Protein backbone atom coordinates (compact mmCIF):
# COMPACT_ATOMS: atom_id res chain seq x y z
CA MET A 1 0.00 0.00 0.00
CA LYS A 2 2.83 2.39 0.90
CA LEU A 3 4.55 1.71 -2.43
CA THR A 4 1.33 2.50 -4.31
CA LYS A 5 1.06 5.91 -2.61
CA VAL A 6 4.68 6.71 -3.46
CA THR A 7 4.15 5.64 -7.08
CA LEU A 8 1.00 7.76 -7.31
CA CYS A 9 2.83 10.79 -5.88
CA LEU A 10 5.72 10.39 -8.33
CA ALA A 11 3.32 10.02 -11.27
CA THR A 12 1.46 13.17 -10.21
CA LEU A 13 4.74 15.07 -9.85
CA ALA A 14 5.91 13.93 -13.31
CA LEU A 15 2.62 15.04 -14.85
CA GLY A 16 2.92 18.44 -13.17
CA ILE A 17 6.44 18.93 -14.47
CA ALA A 18 5.45 17.86 -17.98
CA SER A 19 2.55 20.30 -18.08
CA ALA A 20 4.65 23.18 -16.71
CA ALA A 21 6.07 23.84 -20.17
CA SER A 22 3.62 23.28 -23.02
CA SER A 23 4.48 23.59 -26.70
CA TYR A 24 2.38 24.30 -29.78
CA THR A 25 3.00 24.93 -33.46
CA ILE A 26 1.89 28.18 -35.06
CA THR A 27 2.29 29.55 -38.57
CA LEU A 28 2.82 33.23 -39.34
CA LEU A 29 1.86 34.18 -42.90
CA SER A 30 3.67 37.53 -43.04
CA ASP A 31 6.21 39.63 -41.12
CA THR A 32 4.71 39.98 -37.66
CA LYS A 33 5.74 41.87 -34.54
CA VAL A 34 5.61 39.99 -31.23
CA GLY A 35 6.44 42.18 -28.25
CA ASP A 36 9.63 44.02 -29.25
CA ALA A 37 10.68 41.38 -31.82
CA GLN A 38 9.97 41.14 -35.54
CA LEU A 39 9.28 37.58 -36.72
CA LYS A 40 9.53 36.42 -40.33
CA PRO A 41 6.78 34.34 -41.98
CA GLY A 42 6.94 30.62 -41.31
CA GLN A 43 6.26 27.89 -38.81
CA TYR A 44 7.24 28.40 -35.17
CA LYS A 45 7.33 26.20 -32.11
CA LEU A 46 5.59 28.12 -29.33
CA THR A 47 6.61 27.08 -25.83
CA VAL A 48 4.79 28.45 -22.81
CA GLU A 49 6.31 28.33 -19.36
CA GLY A 50 4.69 30.43 -16.65
CA ASN A 51 4.27 33.96 -17.99
CA GLN A 52 6.89 33.54 -20.76
CA ALA A 53 6.23 32.49 -24.34
CA THR A 54 9.14 31.45 -26.55
CA PHE A 55 8.85 31.46 -30.35
CA THR A 56 11.46 29.16 -31.93
CA GLN A 57 12.26 28.76 -35.62
CA GLY A 58 15.37 26.74 -36.33
CA LYS A 59 18.15 28.11 -34.11
CA ASN A 60 16.41 31.46 -33.52
CA SER A 61 14.35 32.01 -30.37
CA THR A 62 12.37 35.01 -29.16
CA GLN A 63 10.92 35.28 -25.66
CA VAL A 64 8.02 37.56 -24.80
CA PRO A 65 6.07 38.12 -21.59
CA VAL A 66 2.44 36.98 -21.73
CA THR A 67 -0.64 36.97 -19.55
CA VAL A 68 -2.31 33.56 -19.42
CA GLU A 69 -6.11 33.70 -19.41
CA GLN A 70 -8.67 30.89 -19.22
CA ASN A 71 -11.66 30.87 -21.58
CA ALA A 72 -15.05 29.41 -20.64
CA LYS A 73 -14.75 26.68 -23.28
CA LYS A 74 -11.96 25.02 -25.25
CA PHE A 75 -10.69 26.62 -28.44
CA SER A 76 -11.16 24.26 -31.38
CA ASN A 77 -8.10 25.59 -33.25
CA THR A 78 -4.97 27.54 -32.45
CA ALA A 79 -5.50 31.09 -33.68
CA VAL A 80 -3.14 34.06 -33.74
CA GLU A 81 -4.94 37.38 -33.20
CA THR A 82 -3.15 40.34 -34.79
CA ILE A 83 -3.77 44.07 -35.01
CA ASP A 84 -1.71 46.01 -37.58
CA SER A 85 0.75 43.09 -37.99
CA LYS A 86 1.31 42.87 -34.22
CA VAL A 87 0.34 39.75 -32.28
CA ASN A 88 -2.24 40.70 -29.66
CA ALA A 89 -3.21 37.23 -28.42
CA ILE A 90 -3.01 33.52 -29.23
CA ASP A 91 -5.84 31.05 -28.61
CA LEU A 92 -4.34 27.60 -27.97
CA GLY A 93 -6.37 24.94 -29.77
CA GLY A 94 -7.62 22.03 -27.67
CA THR A 95 -7.29 24.07 -24.47
CA LYS A 96 -9.13 26.87 -22.68
CA THR A 97 -5.90 28.89 -22.64
CA LYS A 98 -5.48 32.30 -24.26
CA LEU A 99 -2.09 34.01 -24.27
CA VAL A 100 -2.30 37.80 -24.24
CA ILE A 101 0.97 39.31 -25.45
CA SER A 102 2.30 42.12 -23.30
CA PRO A 103 2.55 45.36 -25.28
CA ALA A 104 5.94 46.31 -26.68
CA LYS A 105 7.81 49.13 -25.01
CA THR A 106 7.18 52.35 -26.91
CA SER A 107 9.99 54.73 -27.78
CA ALA A 108 8.42 57.32 -25.43
CA THR A 109 8.63 54.81 -22.56
CA ALA A 110 12.22 53.94 -23.46
CA GLN A 111 13.18 57.65 -23.62
CA ALA A 112 11.52 58.42 -20.27
CA GLY A 113 13.52 55.61 -18.64
CA GLY A 114 16.77 56.98 -20.06
CA GLN A 115 16.37 60.54 -18.74
């Protein structure tokens, strides 16, 4: 009985670690801005860990801060929401998770910090 409890605890821990970093595949059809970074068209591996999203294409990776929100029902498909070629949010297909991309720092904000 004791061994079963230990096995169950280890299995639960392994599942928690595995779900801590989730990955998805997204396709960008044109040059798109994500946070402060400019991404080229193509397929990207999107990894989410905590409040960080990492976009990886080949050897290139870009990390951006995100806010993770939960929708009332599951999204049927992964969808990238853009406004003026800037990623605003990403609905993760098969989950209730929506990633809201933190806005890029504006030049006015950058200048104010430098004064």
